[in-house]
């Protein structure tokens, strides 16, 4: 589920960027890249938290 949310956020961000004319001036480009990196970072943190959860011991 979190993967789908991340993919949706990235897709919406790309659509917004394209709709605004795909700006590449430094400030707009930085904002776009920072937002994309933020979405990916949040997804990675979610996966790491899930991966590191303690599993019950199996006898």
PDB file of N, CA and C in Angstrom:
ATOM      1  N   UNK A   1       0.813  -1.185   0.000  1.00  0.00           N
ATOM      2  CA  UNK A   1       0.000   0.000   0.000  1.00  0.00           C
ATOM      3  C   UNK A   1       0.866   1.263   0.000  1.00  0.00           C
ATOM      4  N   UNK A   2       1.926   1.269   0.794  1.00  0.00           N
ATOM      5  CA  UNK A   2       2.768   2.471   0.824  1.00  0.00           C
ATOM      6  C   UNK A   2       3.454   2.697  -0.516  1.00  0.00           C
ATOM      7  N   UNK A   3       3.792   1.605  -1.217  1.00  0.00           N
ATOM      8  CA  UNK A   3       4.406   1.730  -2.536  1.00  0.00           C
ATOM      9  C   UNK A   3       3.453   2.453  -3.483  1.00  0.00           C
ATOM     10  N   UNK A   4       2.195   2.085  -3.450  1.00  0.00           N
ATOM     11  CA  UNK A   4       1.201   2.725  -4.321  1.00  0.00           C
ATOM     12  C   UNK A   4       1.041   4.201  -3.989  1.00  0.00           C
ATOM     13  N   UNK A   5       1.064   4.522  -2.697  1.00  0.00           N
ATOM     14  CA  UNK A   5       0.949   5.924  -2.292  1.00  0.00           C
ATOM     15  C   UNK A   5       2.147   6.721  -2.793  1.00  0.00           C
ATOM     16  N   UNK A   6       3.331   6.147  -2.674  1.00  0.00           N
ATOM     17  CA  UNK A   6       4.550   6.820  -3.152  1.00  0.00           C
ATOM     18  C   UNK A   6       4.498   7.007  -4.669  1.00  0.00           C
ATOM     19  N   UNK A   7       4.121   5.956  -5.365  1.00  0.00           N
ATOM     20  CA  UNK A   7       4.024   6.050  -6.825  1.00  0.00           C
ATOM     21  C   UNK A   7       3.005   7.105  -7.237  1.00  0.00           C
ATOM     22  N   UNK A   8       1.892   7.168  -6.520  1.00  0.00           N
ATOM     23  CA  UNK A   8       0.875   8.180  -6.809  1.00  0.00           C
ATOM     24  C   UNK A   8       1.395   9.583  -6.576  1.00  0.00           C
ATOM     25  N   UNK A   9       2.112   9.766  -5.462  1.00  0.00           N
ATOM     26  CA  UNK A   9       2.670  11.093  -5.168  1.00  0.00           C
ATOM     27  C   UNK A   9       3.657  11.507  -6.247  1.00  0.00           C
ATOM     28  N   UNK A  10       4.534  10.598  -6.646  1.00  0.00           N
ATOM     29  CA  UNK A  10       5.510  10.918  -7.690  1.00  0.00           C
ATOM     30  C   UNK A  10       4.816  11.215  -9.016  1.00  0.00           C
ATOM     31  N   UNK A  11       3.808  10.429  -9.343  1.00  0.00           N
ATOM     32  CA  UNK A  11       3.070  10.659 -10.584  1.00  0.00           C
ATOM     33  C   UNK A  11       2.387  12.009 -10.601  1.00  0.00           C
ATOM     34  N   UNK A  12       1.759  12.367  -9.473  1.00  0.00           N
ATOM     35  CA  UNK A  12       1.101  13.681  -9.389  1.00  0.00           C
ATOM     36  C   UNK A  12       2.123  14.803  -9.506  1.00  0.00           C
ATOM     37  N   UNK A  13       3.271  14.624  -8.854  1.00  0.00           N
ATOM     38  CA  UNK A  13       4.311  15.667  -8.901  1.00  0.00           C
ATOM     39  C   UNK A  13       4.824  15.862 -10.319  1.00  0.00           C
ATOM     40  N   UNK A  14       5.041  14.767 -11.039  1.00  0.00           N
ATOM     41  CA  UNK A  14       5.497  14.872 -12.437  1.00  0.00           C
ATOM     42  C   UNK A  14       4.431  15.560 -13.279  1.00  0.00           C
ATOM     43  N   UNK A  15       3.165  15.205 -13.079  1.00  0.00           N
ATOM     44  CA  UNK A  15       2.093  15.857 -13.841  1.00  0.00           C
ATOM     45  C   UNK A  15       2.027  17.349 -13.554  1.00  0.00           C
ATOM     46  N   UNK A  16       2.176  17.734 -12.270  1.00  0.00           N
ATOM     47  CA  UNK A  16       2.189  19.160 -11.921  1.00  0.00           C
ATOM     48  C   UNK A  16       3.359  19.872 -12.587  1.00  0.00           C
ATOM     49  N   UNK A  17       4.516  19.240 -12.564  1.00  0.00           N
ATOM     50  CA  UNK A  17       5.711  19.822 -13.170  1.00  0.00           C
ATOM     51  C   UNK A  17       5.509  20.020 -14.672  1.00  0.00           C
ATOM     52  N   UNK A  18       4.962  19.009 -15.326  1.00  0.00           N
ATOM     53  CA  UNK A  18       4.712  19.109 -16.777  1.00  0.00           C
ATOM     54  C   UNK A  18       3.675  20.174 -17.082  1.00  0.00           C
ATOM     55  N   UNK A  19       2.611  20.225 -16.277  1.00  0.00           N
ATOM     56  CA  UNK A  19       1.552  21.211 -16.477  1.00  0.00           C
ATOM     57  C   UNK A  19       2.079  22.633 -16.342  1.00  0.00           C
ATOM     58  N   UNK A  20       3.079  22.800 -15.460  1.00  0.00           N
ATOM     59  CA  UNK A  20       3.651  24.135 -15.267  1.00  0.00           C
ATOM     60  C   UNK A  20       4.720  24.455 -16.308  1.00  0.00           C
ATOM     61  N   UNK A  21       4.854  23.612 -17.323  1.00  0.00           N
ATOM     62  CA  UNK A  21       5.785  23.882 -18.418  1.00  0.00           C
ATOM     63  C   UNK A  21       7.143  23.223 -18.258  1.00  0.00           C
ATOM     64  N   UNK A  22       7.251  22.259 -17.347  1.00  0.00           N
ATOM     65  CA  UNK A  22       8.514  21.544 -17.097  1.00  0.00           C
ATOM     66  C   UNK A  22       9.667  22.512 -16.844  1.00  0.00           C
ATOM     67  N   UNK A  23       9.469  23.412 -15.843  1.00  0.00           N
ATOM     68  CA  UNK A  23      10.498  24.435 -15.607  1.00  0.00           C
ATOM     69  C   UNK A  23      11.832  23.838 -15.156  1.00  0.00           C
ATOM     70  N   UNK A  24      12.892  24.409 -15.668  1.00  0.00           N
ATOM     71  CA  UNK A  24      14.228  23.929 -15.296  1.00  0.00           C
ATOM     72  C   UNK A  24      15.089  25.024 -14.679  1.00  0.00           C
ATOM     73  N   UNK A  25      14.495  26.202 -14.394  1.00  0.00           N
ATOM     74  CA  UNK A  25      15.297  27.199 -13.695  1.00  0.00           C
ATOM     75  C   UNK A  25      15.644  26.625 -12.322  1.00  0.00           C
ATOM     76  N   UNK A  26      16.780  27.000 -11.784  1.00  0.00           N
ATOM     77  CA  UNK A  26      17.308  26.336 -10.586  1.00  0.00           C
ATOM     78  C   UNK A  26      16.332  26.178  -9.420  1.00  0.00           C
ATOM     79  N   UNK A  27      15.590  27.203  -9.065  1.00  0.00           N
ATOM     80  CA  UNK A  27      14.694  27.108  -7.907  1.00  0.00           C
ATOM     81  C   UNK A  27      13.562  26.111  -8.148  1.00  0.00           C
ATOM     82  N   UNK A  28      12.947  26.173  -9.325  1.00  0.00           N
ATOM     83  CA  UNK A  28      11.844  25.258  -9.646  1.00  0.00           C
ATOM     84  C   UNK A  28      12.348  23.825  -9.771  1.00  0.00           C
ATOM     85  N   UNK A  29      13.482  23.655 -10.399  1.00  0.00           N
ATOM     86  CA  UNK A  29      14.050  22.312 -10.564  1.00  0.00           C
ATOM     87  C   UNK A  29      14.408  21.727  -9.201  1.00  0.00           C
ATOM     88  N   UNK A  30      14.999  22.546  -8.317  1.00  0.00           N
ATOM     89  CA  UNK A  30      15.363  22.070  -6.986  1.00  0.00           C
ATOM     90  C   UNK A  30      14.124  21.645  -6.205  1.00  0.00           C
ATOM     91  N   UNK A  31      13.075  22.431  -6.277  1.00  0.00           N
ATOM     92  CA  UNK A  31      11.833  22.097  -5.575  1.00  0.00           C
ATOM     93  C   UNK A  31      11.262  20.776  -6.087  1.00  0.00           C
ATOM     94  N   UNK A  32      11.282  20.591  -7.403  1.00  0.00           N
ATOM     95  CA  UNK A  32      10.783  19.357  -8.002  1.00  0.00           C
ATOM     96  C   UNK A  32      11.604  18.153  -7.542  1.00  0.00           C
ATOM     97  N   UNK A  33      12.916  18.272  -7.632  1.00  0.00           N
ATOM     98  CA  UNK A  33      13.801  17.158  -7.240  1.00  0.00           C
ATOM     99  C   UNK A  33      13.685  16.890  -5.742  1.00  0.00           C
ATOM    100  N   UNK A  34      13.665  17.939  -4.923  1.00  0.00           N
ATOM    101  CA  UNK A  34      13.539  17.759  -3.473  1.00  0.00           C
ATOM    102  C   UNK A  34      12.248  17.027  -3.116  1.00  0.00           C
ATOM    103  N   UNK A  35      11.152  17.384  -3.774  1.00  0.00           N
ATOM    104  CA  UNK A  35       9.873  16.733  -3.493  1.00  0.00           C
ATOM    105  C   UNK A  35       9.915  15.258  -3.885  1.00  0.00           C
ATOM    106  N   UNK A  36      10.487  14.967  -5.041  1.00  0.00           N
ATOM    107  CA  UNK A  36      10.606  13.571  -5.480  1.00  0.00           C
ATOM    108  C   UNK A  36      11.498  12.779  -4.529  1.00  0.00           C
ATOM    109  N   UNK A  37      12.622  13.360  -4.151  1.00  0.00           N
ATOM    110  CA  UNK A  37      13.520  12.685  -3.213  1.00  0.00           C
ATOM    111  C   UNK A  37      12.855  12.483  -1.862  1.00  0.00           C
ATOM    112  N   UNK A  38      12.044  13.443  -1.436  1.00  0.00           N
ATOM    113  CA  UNK A  38      11.316  13.306  -0.175  1.00  0.00           C
ATOM    114  C   UNK A  38      10.344  12.136  -0.201  1.00  0.00           C
ATOM    115  N   UNK A  39       9.641  11.980  -1.317  1.00  0.00           N
ATOM    116  CA  UNK A  39       8.702  10.868  -1.448  1.00  0.00           C
ATOM    117  C   UNK A  39       9.440   9.532  -1.410  1.00  0.00           C
ATOM    118  N   UNK A  40      10.551   9.455  -2.116  1.00  0.00           N
ATOM    119  CA  UNK A  40      11.323   8.214  -2.153  1.00  0.00           C
ATOM    120  C   UNK A  40      11.953   7.925  -0.793  1.00  0.00           C
ATOM    121  N   UNK A  41      12.446   8.949  -0.131  1.00  0.00           N
ATOM    122  CA  UNK A  41      13.044   8.783   1.188  1.00  0.00           C
ATOM    123  C   UNK A  41      12.011   8.279   2.198  1.00  0.00           C
ATOM    124  N   UNK A  42      10.814   8.842   2.160  1.00  0.00           N
ATOM    125  CA  UNK A  42       9.750   8.396   3.069  1.00  0.00           C
ATOM    126  C   UNK A  42       9.399   6.936   2.797  1.00  0.00           C
ATOM    127  N   UNK A  43       9.362   6.553   1.546  1.00  0.00           N
ATOM    128  CA  UNK A  43       9.076   5.154   1.191  1.00  0.00           C
ATOM    129  C   UNK A  43      10.175   4.242   1.716  1.00  0.00           C
ATOM    130  N   UNK A  44      11.418   4.642   1.534  1.00  0.00           N
ATOM    131  CA  UNK A  44      12.536   3.836   2.034  1.00  0.00           C
ATOM    132  C   UNK A  44      12.480   3.699   3.549  1.00  0.00           C
ATOM    133  N   UNK A  45      12.173   4.783   4.257  1.00  0.00           N
ATOM    134  CA  UNK A  45      12.085   4.735   5.714  1.00  0.00           C
ATOM    135  C   UNK A  45      10.981   3.781   6.155  1.00  0.00           C
ATOM    136  N   UNK A  46       9.880   3.800   5.429  1.00  0.00           N
ATOM    137  CA  UNK A  46       8.776   2.897   5.742  1.00  0.00           C
ATOM    138  C   UNK A  46       9.201   1.439   5.571  1.00  0.00           C
ATOM    139  N   UNK A  47       9.886   1.161   4.488  1.00  0.00           N
ATOM    140  CA  UNK A  47      10.357  -0.206   4.237  1.00  0.00           C
ATOM    141  C   UNK A  47      11.375  -0.626   5.296  1.00  0.00           C
ATOM    142  N   UNK A  48      12.276   0.276   5.658  1.00  0.00           N
ATOM    143  CA  UNK A  48      13.294  -0.053   6.663  1.00  0.00           C
ATOM    144  C   UNK A  48      12.641  -0.328   8.015  1.00  0.00           C
ATOM    145  N   UNK A  49      11.649   0.459   8.390  1.00  0.00           N
ATOM    146  CA  UNK A  49      10.956   0.236   9.656  1.00  0.00           C
ATOM    147  C   UNK A  49      10.259  -1.117   9.647  1.00  0.00           C
ATOM    148  N   UNK A  50       9.613  -1.428   8.553  1.00  0.00           N
ATOM    149  CA  UNK A  50       8.916  -2.716   8.449  1.00  0.00           C
ATOM    150  C   UNK A  50       9.914  -3.864   8.476  1.00  0.00           C
ATOM    151  N   UNK A  51      11.012  -3.716   7.771  1.00  0.00           N
ATOM    152  CA  UNK A  51      12.031  -4.762   7.689  1.00  0.00           C
ATOM    153  C   UNK A  51      12.685  -5.011   9.040  1.00  0.00           C
ATOM    154  N   UNK A  52      12.837  -3.970   9.834  1.00  0.00           N
ATOM    155  CA  UNK A  52      13.556  -4.105  11.100  1.00  0.00           C
ATOM    156  C   UNK A  52      12.646  -4.487  12.272  1.00  0.00           C
ATOM    157  N   UNK A  53      11.354  -4.645  12.032  1.00  0.00           N
ATOM    158  CA  UNK A  53      10.468  -5.060  13.109  1.00  0.00           C
ATOM    159  C   UNK A  53      10.919  -6.400  13.666  1.00  0.00           C
ATOM    160  N   UNK A  54      10.784  -6.539  14.944  1.00  0.00           N
ATOM    161  CA  UNK A  54      11.158  -7.820  15.575  1.00  0.00           C
ATOM    162  C   UNK A  54      10.159  -8.879  15.163  1.00  0.00           C
ATOM    163  N   UNK A  55      10.672  -9.980  14.809  1.00  0.00           N
ATOM    164  CA  UNK A  55       9.819 -11.127  14.460  1.00  0.00           C
ATOM    165  C   UNK A  55       9.765 -12.067  15.660  1.00  0.00           C
ATOM    166  N   UNK A  56       8.613 -12.647  15.923  1.00  0.00           N
ATOM    167  CA  UNK A  56       8.538 -13.611  17.023  1.00  0.00           C
ATOM    168  C   UNK A  56       9.420 -14.824  16.739  1.00  0.00           C
ATOM    169  N   UNK A  57      10.036 -15.320  17.771  1.00  0.00           N
ATOM    170  CA  UNK A  57      10.895 -16.503  17.630  1.00  0.00           C
ATOM    171  C   UNK A  57      10.031 -17.716  17.306  1.00  0.00           C
ATOM    172  N   UNK A  58      10.541 -18.526  16.425  1.00  0.00           N
ATOM    173  CA  UNK A  58       9.838 -19.765  16.057  1.00  0.00           C
ATOM    174  C   UNK A  58      10.603 -20.916  16.694  1.00  0.00           C
ATOM    175  N   UNK A  59       9.906 -21.713  17.486  1.00  0.00           N
ATOM    176  CA  UNK A  59      10.579 -22.861  18.138  1.00  0.00           C
ATOM    177  C   UNK A  59      10.573 -24.069  17.248  1.00  0.00           C
TER     178      UNK A  59
END
